[in-house]
Amino acid sequence: MLPAKAELVLPMVTQDMHYADAKKVLIAAGWQPVHNLKISGSSLYAQELYEQGMLEVVDCISMELDGCRFYYAKKNQTLEISTITRQLKVEKMHVINKKRNK
């Protein structure tokens, strides 16, 4: 189950949803992918996903679960989506920070 905050942010994204489907829902809800400008410092699997057009991939851990993280931004929030397996199934989603208004 996704954390309560994530469910409040975007109830249409569910655990085990394919990342491509979740990405469409996020964009339709006004979330914008945050392009990783430092992809060269990420894992080879993350770089492969980046080359496939997933510019918002932050990094992946290529172990048993092949977990990846992706960032999105909307207004003053940054959302992190975590996936598991090479099928990129959503594992969790949460707001990682809120930018302070000045």
PDB file of N, CA and C in Angstrom:
ATOM      1  N   MET A   1       0.836  -1.190   0.000  1.00  0.00           N
ATOM      2  CA  MET A   1       0.000   0.000   0.000  1.00  0.00           C
ATOM      3  C   MET A   1       0.876   1.247   0.000  1.00  0.00           C
ATOM      4  N   LEU A   2       0.446   2.249  -0.746  1.00  0.00           N
ATOM      5  CA  LEU A   2       1.185   3.505  -0.789  1.00  0.00           C
ATOM      6  C   LEU A   2       0.994   4.257   0.523  1.00  0.00           C
ATOM      7  N   PRO A   3       1.981   5.060   0.937  1.00  0.00           N
ATOM      8  CA  PRO A   3       1.830   5.858   2.153  1.00  0.00           C
ATOM      9  C   PRO A   3       0.616   6.775   2.054  1.00  0.00           C
ATOM     10  N   ALA A   4       0.012   7.086   3.182  1.00  0.00           N
ATOM     11  CA  ALA A   4      -1.201   7.912   3.222  1.00  0.00           C
ATOM     12  C   ALA A   4      -1.010   9.247   2.516  1.00  0.00           C
ATOM     13  N   LYS A   5       0.127   9.892   2.720  1.00  0.00           N
ATOM     14  CA  LYS A   5       0.373  11.182   2.062  1.00  0.00           C
ATOM     15  C   LYS A   5       0.327  11.034   0.548  1.00  0.00           C
ATOM     16  N   ALA A   6       0.915   9.952   0.035  1.00  0.00           N
ATOM     17  CA  ALA A   6       0.923   9.727  -1.411  1.00  0.00           C
ATOM     18  C   ALA A   6      -0.493   9.526  -1.922  1.00  0.00           C
ATOM     19  N   GLU A   7      -1.301   8.800  -1.166  1.00  0.00           N
ATOM     20  CA  GLU A   7      -2.681   8.581  -1.581  1.00  0.00           C
ATOM     21  C   GLU A   7      -3.440   9.898  -1.630  1.00  0.00           C
ATOM     22  N   LEU A   8      -3.140  10.799  -0.706  1.00  0.00           N
ATOM     23  CA  LEU A   8      -3.790  12.104  -0.709  1.00  0.00           C
ATOM     24  C   LEU A   8      -3.327  12.937  -1.887  1.00  0.00           C
ATOM     25  N   VAL A   9      -2.055  12.819  -2.241  1.00  0.00           N
ATOM     26  CA  VAL A   9      -1.500  13.589  -3.351  1.00  0.00           C
ATOM     27  C   VAL A   9      -2.072  13.112  -4.679  1.00  0.00           C
ATOM     28  N   LEU A  10      -2.145  11.811  -4.868  1.00  0.00           N
ATOM     29  CA  LEU A  10      -2.574  11.265  -6.148  1.00  0.00           C
ATOM     30  C   LEU A  10      -3.173   9.872  -5.975  1.00  0.00           C
ATOM     31  N   PRO A  11      -4.450   9.794  -5.639  1.00  0.00           N
ATOM     32  CA  PRO A  11      -5.050   8.482  -5.354  1.00  0.00           C
ATOM     33  C   PRO A  11      -5.146   7.558  -6.568  1.00  0.00           C
ATOM     34  N   MET A  12      -4.997   8.084  -7.785  1.00  0.00           N
ATOM     35  CA  MET A  12      -5.115   7.248  -8.983  1.00  0.00           C
ATOM     36  C   MET A  12      -3.872   6.404  -9.254  1.00  0.00           C
ATOM     37  N   VAL A  13      -2.764   6.730  -8.610  1.00  0.00           N
ATOM     38  CA  VAL A  13      -1.543   5.940  -8.775  1.00  0.00           C
ATOM     39  C   VAL A  13      -1.546   4.883  -7.676  1.00  0.00           C
ATOM     40  N   THR A  14      -1.495   3.630  -8.084  1.00  0.00           N
ATOM     41  CA  THR A  14      -1.578   2.537  -7.126  1.00  0.00           C
ATOM     42  C   THR A  14      -0.325   1.685  -7.153  1.00  0.00           C
ATOM     43  N   GLN A  15      -0.108   1.005  -6.056  1.00  0.00           N
ATOM     44  CA  GLN A  15       1.025   0.092  -5.967  1.00  0.00           C
ATOM     45  C   GLN A  15       0.866  -0.998  -7.020  1.00  0.00           C
ATOM     46  N   ASP A  16       1.945  -1.398  -7.630  1.00  0.00           N
ATOM     47  CA  ASP A  16       2.015  -2.396  -8.692  1.00  0.00           C
ATOM     48  C   ASP A  16       1.541  -1.877 -10.053  1.00  0.00           C
ATOM     49  N   MET A  17       1.149  -0.595 -10.140  1.00  0.00           N
ATOM     50  CA  MET A  17       0.805   0.011 -11.429  1.00  0.00           C
ATOM     51  C   MET A  17       2.091   0.103 -12.244  1.00  0.00           C
ATOM     52  N   HIS A  18       2.011  -0.106 -13.532  1.00  0.00           N
ATOM     53  CA  HIS A  18       3.193   0.034 -14.379  1.00  0.00           C
ATOM     54  C   HIS A  18       3.604   1.504 -14.408  1.00  0.00           C
ATOM     55  N   TYR A  19       4.897   1.762 -14.342  1.00  0.00           N
ATOM     56  CA  TYR A  19       5.395   3.133 -14.292  1.00  0.00           C
ATOM     57  C   TYR A  19       4.905   3.980 -15.468  1.00  0.00           C
ATOM     58  N   ALA A  20       4.854   3.433 -16.664  1.00  0.00           N
ATOM     59  CA  ALA A  20       4.403   4.203 -17.836  1.00  0.00           C
ATOM     60  C   ALA A  20       2.973   4.705 -17.632  1.00  0.00           C
ATOM     61  N   ASP A  21       2.126   3.885 -17.030  1.00  0.00           N
ATOM     62  CA  ASP A  21       0.748   4.298 -16.756  1.00  0.00           C
ATOM     63  C   ASP A  21       0.712   5.358 -15.658  1.00  0.00           C
ATOM     64  N   ALA A  22       1.527   5.163 -14.628  1.00  0.00           N
ATOM     65  CA  ALA A  22       1.597   6.139 -13.542  1.00  0.00           C
ATOM     66  C   ALA A  22       2.093   7.490 -14.068  1.00  0.00           C
ATOM     67  N   LYS A  23       3.058   7.453 -14.973  1.00  0.00           N
ATOM     68  CA  LYS A  23       3.613   8.688 -15.547  1.00  0.00           C
ATOM     69  C   LYS A  23       2.517   9.476 -16.275  1.00  0.00           C
ATOM     70  N   LYS A  24       1.675   8.778 -17.031  1.00  0.00           N
ATOM     71  CA  LYS A  24       0.571   9.447 -17.737  1.00  0.00           C
ATOM     72  C   LYS A  24      -0.387  10.103 -16.751  1.00  0.00           C
ATOM     73  N   VAL A  25      -0.700   9.402 -15.660  1.00  0.00           N
ATOM     74  CA  VAL A  25      -1.600   9.939 -14.637  1.00  0.00           C
ATOM     75  C   VAL A  25      -0.979  11.165 -13.985  1.00  0.00           C
ATOM     76  N   LEU A  26       0.308  11.078 -13.654  1.00  0.00           N
ATOM     77  CA  LEU A  26       0.991  12.202 -13.019  1.00  0.00           C
ATOM     78  C   LEU A  26       0.986  13.437 -13.910  1.00  0.00           C
ATOM     79  N   ILE A  27       1.327  13.262 -15.168  1.00  0.00           N
ATOM     80  CA  ILE A  27       1.368  14.394 -16.104  1.00  0.00           C
ATOM     81  C   ILE A  27      -0.030  14.982 -16.284  1.00  0.00           C
ATOM     82  N   ALA A  28      -1.044  14.137 -16.389  1.00  0.00           N
ATOM     83  CA  ALA A  28      -2.428  14.619 -16.529  1.00  0.00           C
ATOM     84  C   ALA A  28      -2.870  15.407 -15.292  1.00  0.00           C
ATOM     85  N   ALA A  29      -2.281  15.080 -14.134  1.00  0.00           N
ATOM     86  CA  ALA A  29      -2.622  15.774 -12.887  1.00  0.00           C
ATOM     87  C   ALA A  29      -1.760  17.018 -12.663  1.00  0.00           C
ATOM     88  N   GLY A  30      -0.926  17.363 -13.643  1.00  0.00           N
ATOM     89  CA  GLY A  30      -0.135  18.588 -13.546  1.00  0.00           C
ATOM     90  C   GLY A  30       1.270  18.417 -13.003  1.00  0.00           C
ATOM     91  N   TRP A  31       1.684  17.191 -12.715  1.00  0.00           N
ATOM     92  CA  TRP A  31       3.053  16.949 -12.263  1.00  0.00           C
ATOM     93  C   TRP A  31       3.974  16.915 -13.477  1.00  0.00           C
ATOM     94  N   GLN A  32       5.123  17.546 -13.361  1.00  0.00           N
ATOM     95  CA  GLN A  32       6.090  17.609 -14.459  1.00  0.00           C
ATOM     96  C   GLN A  32       7.328  16.778 -14.129  1.00  0.00           C
ATOM     97  N   PRO A  33       7.776  15.945 -15.066  1.00  0.00           N
ATOM     98  CA  PRO A  33       9.006  15.183 -14.827  1.00  0.00           C
ATOM     99  C   PRO A  33      10.187  16.130 -14.599  1.00  0.00           C
ATOM    100  N   VAL A  34      11.010  15.809 -13.623  1.00  0.00           N
ATOM    101  CA  VAL A  34      12.215  16.595 -13.333  1.00  0.00           C
ATOM    102  C   VAL A  34      13.385  15.899 -14.024  1.00  0.00           C
ATOM    103  N   HIS A  35      13.927  16.532 -15.045  1.00  0.00           N
ATOM    104  CA  HIS A  35      15.016  15.918 -15.807  1.00  0.00           C
ATOM    105  C   HIS A  35      16.278  15.828 -14.951  1.00  0.00           C
ATOM    106  N   ASN A  36      16.878  14.663 -14.964  1.00  0.00           N
ATOM    107  CA  ASN A  36      18.113  14.413 -14.223  1.00  0.00           C
ATOM    108  C   ASN A  36      19.287  14.926 -15.060  1.00  0.00           C
ATOM    109  N   LEU A  37      19.844  16.036 -14.660  1.00  0.00           N
ATOM    110  CA  LEU A  37      20.955  16.631 -15.406  1.00  0.00           C
ATOM    111  C   LEU A  37      22.296  16.002 -15.052  1.00  0.00           C
ATOM    112  N   LYS A  38      22.296  15.101 -14.050  1.00  0.00           N
ATOM    113  CA  LYS A  38      23.536  14.451 -13.625  1.00  0.00           C
ATOM    114  C   LYS A  38      23.438  12.942 -13.842  1.00  0.00           C
ATOM    115  N   ILE A  39      22.833  12.524 -14.932  1.00  0.00           N
ATOM    116  CA  ILE A  39      22.609  11.103 -15.192  1.00  0.00           C
ATOM    117  C   ILE A  39      23.917  10.325 -15.298  1.00  0.00           C
ATOM    118  N   SER A  40      25.003  10.960 -15.697  1.00  0.00           N
ATOM    119  CA  SER A  40      26.279  10.247 -15.843  1.00  0.00           C
ATOM    120  C   SER A  40      26.777   9.690 -14.512  1.00  0.00           C
ATOM    121  N   GLY A  41      26.286  10.227 -13.401  1.00  0.00           N
ATOM    122  CA  GLY A  41      26.666   9.731 -12.089  1.00  0.00           C
ATOM    123  C   GLY A  41      25.737   8.641 -11.578  1.00  0.00           C
ATOM    124  N   SER A  42      24.755   8.271 -12.373  1.00  0.00           N
ATOM    125  CA  SER A  42      23.782   7.254 -11.976  1.00  0.00           C
ATOM    126  C   SER A  42      24.201   5.875 -12.474  1.00  0.00           C
ATOM    127  N   SER A  43      23.489   4.849 -12.049  1.00  0.00           N
ATOM    128  CA  SER A  43      23.808   3.472 -12.446  1.00  0.00           C
ATOM    129  C   SER A  43      23.634   3.277 -13.954  1.00  0.00           C
ATOM    130  N   LEU A  44      24.233   2.230 -14.461  1.00  0.00           N
ATOM    131  CA  LEU A  44      24.120   1.928 -15.892  1.00  0.00           C
ATOM    132  C   LEU A  44      22.670   1.665 -16.286  1.00  0.00           C
ATOM    133  N   TYR A  45      21.910   0.988 -15.429  1.00  0.00           N
ATOM    134  CA  TYR A  45      20.503   0.728 -15.727  1.00  0.00           C
ATOM    135  C   TYR A  45      19.716   2.039 -15.793  1.00  0.00           C
ATOM    136  N   ALA A  46      19.989   2.974 -14.878  1.00  0.00           N
ATOM    137  CA  ALA A  46      19.329   4.280 -14.917  1.00  0.00           C
ATOM    138  C   ALA A  46      19.701   5.015 -16.204  1.00  0.00           C
ATOM    139  N   GLN A  47      20.953   4.945 -16.600  1.00  0.00           N
ATOM    140  CA  GLN A  47      21.380   5.595 -17.835  1.00  0.00           C
ATOM    141  C   GLN A  47      20.672   4.983 -19.048  1.00  0.00           C
ATOM    142  N   GLU A  48      20.451   3.670 -19.007  1.00  0.00           N
ATOM    143  CA  GLU A  48      19.726   2.997 -20.078  1.00  0.00           C
ATOM    144  C   GLU A  48      18.278   3.499 -20.155  1.00  0.00           C
ATOM    145  N   LEU A  49      17.619   3.630 -18.998  1.00  0.00           N
ATOM    146  CA  LEU A  49      16.248   4.144 -18.967  1.00  0.00           C
ATOM    147  C   LEU A  49      16.204   5.585 -19.468  1.00  0.00           C
ATOM    148  N   TYR A  50      17.205   6.368 -19.084  1.00  0.00           N
ATOM    149  CA  TYR A  50      17.309   7.760 -19.522  1.00  0.00           C
ATOM    150  C   TYR A  50      17.391   7.829 -21.049  1.00  0.00           C
ATOM    151  N   GLU A  51      18.204   6.972 -21.615  1.00  0.00           N
ATOM    152  CA  GLU A  51      18.359   6.933 -23.071  1.00  0.00           C
ATOM    153  C   GLU A  51      17.071   6.499 -23.771  1.00  0.00           C
ATOM    154  N   GLN A  52      16.213   5.771 -23.053  1.00  0.00           N
ATOM    155  CA  GLN A  52      14.925   5.347 -23.594  1.00  0.00           C
ATOM    156  C   GLN A  52      13.867   6.443 -23.461  1.00  0.00           C
ATOM    157  N   GLY A  53      14.256   7.599 -22.915  1.00  0.00           N
ATOM    158  CA  GLY A  53      13.333   8.730 -22.819  1.00  0.00           C
ATOM    159  C   GLY A  53      12.787   9.010 -21.437  1.00  0.00           C
ATOM    160  N   MET A  54      13.211   8.254 -20.429  1.00  0.00           N
ATOM    161  CA  MET A  54      12.770   8.503 -19.055  1.00  0.00           C
ATOM    162  C   MET A  54      13.763   9.451 -18.396  1.00  0.00           C
ATOM    163  N   LEU A  55      13.712  10.711 -18.813  1.00  0.00           N
ATOM    164  CA  LEU A  55      14.693  11.704 -18.382  1.00  0.00           C
ATOM    165  C   LEU A  55      14.586  12.046 -16.902  1.00  0.00           C
ATOM    166  N   GLU A  56      13.494  11.642 -16.277  1.00  0.00           N
ATOM    167  CA  GLU A  56      13.249  11.932 -14.864  1.00  0.00           C
ATOM    168  C   GLU A  56      13.800  10.856 -13.925  1.00  0.00           C
ATOM    169  N   VAL A  57      14.441   9.813 -14.471  1.00  0.00           N
ATOM    170  CA  VAL A  57      15.004   8.770 -13.614  1.00  0.00           C
ATOM    171  C   VAL A  57      16.160   9.359 -12.809  1.00  0.00           C
ATOM    172  N   VAL A  58      16.152   9.109 -11.506  1.00  0.00           N
ATOM    173  CA  VAL A  58      17.207   9.616 -10.630  1.00  0.00           C
ATOM    174  C   VAL A  58      18.329   8.600 -10.551  1.00  0.00           C
ATOM    175  N   ASP A  59      17.974   7.372 -10.210  1.00  0.00           N
ATOM    176  CA  ASP A  59      18.954   6.301 -10.117  1.00  0.00           C
ATOM    177  C   ASP A  59      18.227   4.980  -9.946  1.00  0.00           C
ATOM    178  N   CYS A  60      18.951   3.886 -10.131  1.00  0.00           N
ATOM    179  CA  CYS A  60      18.414   2.541  -9.942  1.00  0.00           C
ATOM    180  C   CYS A  60      19.434   1.727  -9.171  1.00  0.00           C
ATOM    181  N   ILE A  61      18.924   0.793  -8.413  1.00  0.00           N
ATOM    182  CA  ILE A  61      19.781  -0.166  -7.723  1.00  0.00           C
ATOM    183  C   ILE A  61      19.546  -1.489  -8.400  1.00  0.00           C
ATOM    184  N   SER A  62      20.519  -1.959  -9.128  1.00  0.00           N
ATOM    185  CA  SER A  62      20.375  -3.201  -9.889  1.00  0.00           C
ATOM    186  C   SER A  62      20.787  -4.393  -9.034  1.00  0.00           C
ATOM    187  N   MET A  63      19.914  -4.744  -8.129  1.00  0.00           N
ATOM    188  CA  MET A  63      20.122  -5.936  -7.314  1.00  0.00           C
ATOM    189  C   MET A  63      18.930  -6.840  -7.556  1.00  0.00           C
ATOM    190  N   GLU A  64      18.502  -7.563  -6.571  1.00  0.00           N
ATOM    191  CA  GLU A  64      17.387  -8.485  -6.748  1.00  0.00           C
ATOM    192  C   GLU A  64      16.118  -7.811  -7.240  1.00  0.00           C
ATOM    193  N   LEU A  65      15.803  -6.630  -6.714  1.00  0.00           N
ATOM    194  CA  LEU A  65      14.532  -5.993  -7.053  1.00  0.00           C
ATOM    195  C   LEU A  65      14.634  -4.946  -8.160  1.00  0.00           C
ATOM    196  N   ASP A  66      15.827  -4.587  -8.583  1.00  0.00           N
ATOM    197  CA  ASP A  66      16.000  -3.560  -9.616  1.00  0.00           C
ATOM    198  C   ASP A  66      15.137  -2.335  -9.335  1.00  0.00           C
ATOM    199  N   GLY A  67      15.333  -1.729  -8.197  1.00  0.00           N
ATOM    200  CA  GLY A  67      14.543  -0.560  -7.805  1.00  0.00           C
ATOM    201  C   GLY A  67      15.049   0.718  -8.439  1.00  0.00           C
ATOM    202  N   CYS A  68      14.113   1.548  -8.903  1.00  0.00           N
ATOM    203  CA  CYS A  68      14.460   2.845  -9.500  1.00  0.00           C
ATOM    204  C   CYS A  68      13.661   3.949  -8.823  1.00  0.00           C
ATOM    205  N   ARG A  69      14.194   5.176  -8.904  1.00  0.00           N
ATOM    206  CA  ARG A  69      13.506   6.358  -8.376  1.00  0.00           C
ATOM    207  C   ARG A  69      13.359   7.388  -9.485  1.00  0.00           C
ATOM    208  N   PHE A  70      12.216   8.066  -9.490  1.00  0.00           N
ATOM    209  CA  PHE A  70      11.882   9.087 -10.482  1.00  0.00           C
ATOM    210  C   PHE A  70      11.335  10.301  -9.745  1.00  0.00           C
ATOM    211  N   TYR A  71      11.669  11.518 -10.219  1.00  0.00           N
ATOM    212  CA  TYR A  71      11.184  12.747  -9.575  1.00  0.00           C
ATOM    213  C   TYR A  71      10.234  13.516 -10.487  1.00  0.00           C
ATOM    214  N   TYR A  72       9.221  14.113  -9.839  1.00  0.00           N
ATOM    215  CA  TYR A  72       8.250  14.992 -10.484  1.00  0.00           C
ATOM    216  C   TYR A  72       8.080  16.230  -9.628  1.00  0.00           C
ATOM    217  N   ALA A  73       7.715  17.345 -10.234  1.00  0.00           N
ATOM    218  CA  ALA A  73       7.500  18.580  -9.497  1.00  0.00           C
ATOM    219  C   ALA A  73       6.146  19.186  -9.860  1.00  0.00           C
ATOM    220  N   LYS A  74       5.542  19.816  -8.859  1.00  0.00           N
ATOM    221  CA  LYS A  74       4.289  20.533  -9.064  1.00  0.00           C
ATOM    222  C   LYS A  74       4.214  21.626  -8.005  1.00  0.00           C
ATOM    223  N   LYS A  75       4.073  22.845  -8.470  1.00  0.00           N
ATOM    224  CA  LYS A  75       4.043  24.006  -7.571  1.00  0.00           C
ATOM    225  C   LYS A  75       5.236  23.952  -6.638  1.00  0.00           C
ATOM    226  N   ASN A  76       5.012  23.810  -5.344  1.00  0.00           N
ATOM    227  CA  ASN A  76       6.125  23.844  -4.394  1.00  0.00           C
ATOM    228  C   ASN A  76       6.463  22.461  -3.846  1.00  0.00           C
ATOM    229  N   GLN A  77       6.120  21.400  -4.588  1.00  0.00           N
ATOM    230  CA  GLN A  77       6.362  20.054  -4.100  1.00  0.00           C
ATOM    231  C   GLN A  77       7.205  19.238  -5.087  1.00  0.00           C
ATOM    232  N   THR A  78       7.974  18.309  -4.537  1.00  0.00           N
ATOM    233  CA  THR A  78       8.688  17.323  -5.338  1.00  0.00           C
ATOM    234  C   THR A  78       8.190  15.948  -4.917  1.00  0.00           C
ATOM    235  N   LEU A  79       7.830  15.155  -5.895  1.00  0.00           N
ATOM    236  CA  LEU A  79       7.281  13.827  -5.658  1.00  0.00           C
ATOM    237  C   LEU A  79       8.290  12.785  -6.123  1.00  0.00           C
ATOM    238  N   GLU A  80       8.520  11.786  -5.291  1.00  0.00           N
ATOM    239  CA  GLU A  80       9.414  10.695  -5.658  1.00  0.00           C
ATOM    240  C   GLU A  80       8.582   9.434  -5.873  1.00  0.00           C
ATOM    241  N   ILE A  81       8.773   8.810  -7.022  1.00  0.00           N
ATOM    242  CA  ILE A  81       8.133   7.546  -7.343  1.00  0.00           C
ATOM    243  C   ILE A  81       9.227   6.482  -7.306  1.00  0.00           C
ATOM    244  N   SER A  82       8.987   5.414  -6.567  1.00  0.00           N
ATOM    245  CA  SER A  82       9.927   4.295  -6.516  1.00  0.00           C
ATOM    246  C   SER A  82       9.288   3.095  -7.188  1.00  0.00           C
ATOM    247  N   THR A  83      10.076   2.419  -8.015  1.00  0.00           N
ATOM    248  CA  THR A  83       9.588   1.222  -8.694  1.00  0.00           C
ATOM    249  C   THR A  83      10.432   0.023  -8.302  1.00  0.00           C
ATOM    250  N   ILE A  84       9.881  -1.153  -8.539  1.00  0.00           N
ATOM    251  CA  ILE A  84      10.635  -2.379  -8.334  1.00  0.00           C
ATOM    252  C   ILE A  84      10.504  -3.234  -9.582  1.00  0.00           C
ATOM    253  N   THR A  85      11.443  -4.096  -9.793  1.00  0.00           N
ATOM    254  CA  THR A  85      11.562  -5.023 -10.918  1.00  0.00           C
ATOM    255  C   THR A  85      11.843  -4.283 -12.229  1.00  0.00           C
ATOM    256  N   ARG A  86      12.346  -4.990 -13.173  1.00  0.00           N
ATOM    257  CA  ARG A  86      12.620  -4.406 -14.489  1.00  0.00           C
ATOM    258  C   ARG A  86      11.329  -4.127 -15.257  1.00  0.00           C
ATOM    259  N   GLN A  87      10.207  -4.594 -14.746  1.00  0.00           N
ATOM    260  CA  GLN A  87       8.908  -4.256 -15.334  1.00  0.00           C
ATOM    261  C   GLN A  87       8.442  -2.896 -14.851  1.00  0.00           C
ATOM    262  N   LEU A  88       9.217  -2.256 -13.971  1.00  0.00           N
ATOM    263  CA  LEU A  88       8.952  -0.914 -13.452  1.00  0.00           C
ATOM    264  C   LEU A  88       7.554  -0.804 -12.837  1.00  0.00           C
ATOM    265  N   LYS A  89       7.282  -1.634 -11.865  1.00  0.00           N
ATOM    266  CA  LYS A  89       6.022  -1.580 -11.130  1.00  0.00           C
ATOM    267  C   LYS A  89       6.168  -0.592  -9.985  1.00  0.00           C
ATOM    268  N   VAL A  90       5.193   0.295  -9.807  1.00  0.00           N
ATOM    269  CA  VAL A  90       5.234   1.277  -8.731  1.00  0.00           C
ATOM    270  C   VAL A  90       5.237   0.557  -7.388  1.00  0.00           C
ATOM    271  N   GLU A  91       6.199   0.916  -6.545  1.00  0.00           N
ATOM    272  CA  GLU A  91       6.264   0.369  -5.194  1.00  0.00           C
ATOM    273  C   GLU A  91       5.736   1.384  -4.193  1.00  0.00           C
ATOM    274  N   LYS A  92       6.235   2.632  -4.312  1.00  0.00           N
ATOM    275  CA  LYS A  92       5.777   3.674  -3.396  1.00  0.00           C
ATOM    276  C   LYS A  92       5.944   5.040  -4.036  1.00  0.00           C
ATOM    277  N   MET A  93       5.278   5.996  -3.419  1.00  0.00           N
ATOM    278  CA  MET A  93       5.282   7.364  -3.918  1.00  0.00           C
ATOM    279  C   MET A  93       5.150   8.265  -2.697  1.00  0.00           C
ATOM    280  N   HIS A  94       5.974   9.310  -2.641  1.00  0.00           N
ATOM    281  CA  HIS A  94       5.838  10.240  -1.524  1.00  0.00           C
ATOM    282  C   HIS A  94       6.434  11.598  -1.873  1.00  0.00           C
ATOM    283  N   VAL A  95       5.924  12.605  -1.199  1.00  0.00           N
ATOM    284  CA  VAL A  95       6.450  13.960  -1.351  1.00  0.00           C
ATOM    285  C   VAL A  95       7.739  14.001  -0.552  1.00  0.00           C
ATOM    286  N   ILE A  96       8.849  14.386  -1.210  1.00  0.00           N
ATOM    287  CA  ILE A  96      10.137  14.388  -0.515  1.00  0.00           C
ATOM    288  C   ILE A  96      10.527  15.756   0.019  1.00  0.00           C
ATOM    289  N   ASN A  97       9.912  16.805  -0.513  1.00  0.00           N
ATOM    290  CA  ASN A  97      10.185  18.131   0.052  1.00  0.00           C
ATOM    291  C   ASN A  97       9.142  19.122  -0.408  1.00  0.00           C
ATOM    292  N   LYS A  98       9.096  20.211   0.291  1.00  0.00           N
ATOM    293  CA  LYS A  98       8.280  21.347  -0.123  1.00  0.00           C
ATOM    294  C   LYS A  98       9.207  22.546  -0.165  1.00  0.00           C
ATOM    295  N   LYS A  99       9.224  23.218  -1.286  1.00  0.00           N
ATOM    296  CA  LYS A  99      10.057  24.418  -1.398  1.00  0.00           C
ATOM    297  C   LYS A  99       9.397  25.516  -0.596  1.00  0.00           C
ATOM    298  N   ARG A 100      10.207  26.294   0.056  1.00  0.00           N
ATOM    299  CA  ARG A 100       9.666  27.386   0.877  1.00  0.00           C
ATOM    300  C   ARG A 100       9.391  28.599   0.018  1.00  0.00           C
ATOM    301  N   ASN A 101       8.231  29.174   0.221  1.00  0.00           N
ATOM    302  CA  ASN A 101       7.888  30.413  -0.476  1.00  0.00           C
ATOM    303  C   ASN A 101       8.542  31.574   0.238  1.00  0.00           C
ATOM    304  N   LYS A 102       9.064  32.507  -0.527  1.00  0.00           N
ATOM    305  CA  LYS A 102       9.718  33.670   0.081  1.00  0.00           C
ATOM    306  C   LYS A 102       8.846  34.882  -0.055  1.00  0.00           C
TER     307      LYS A 102
END
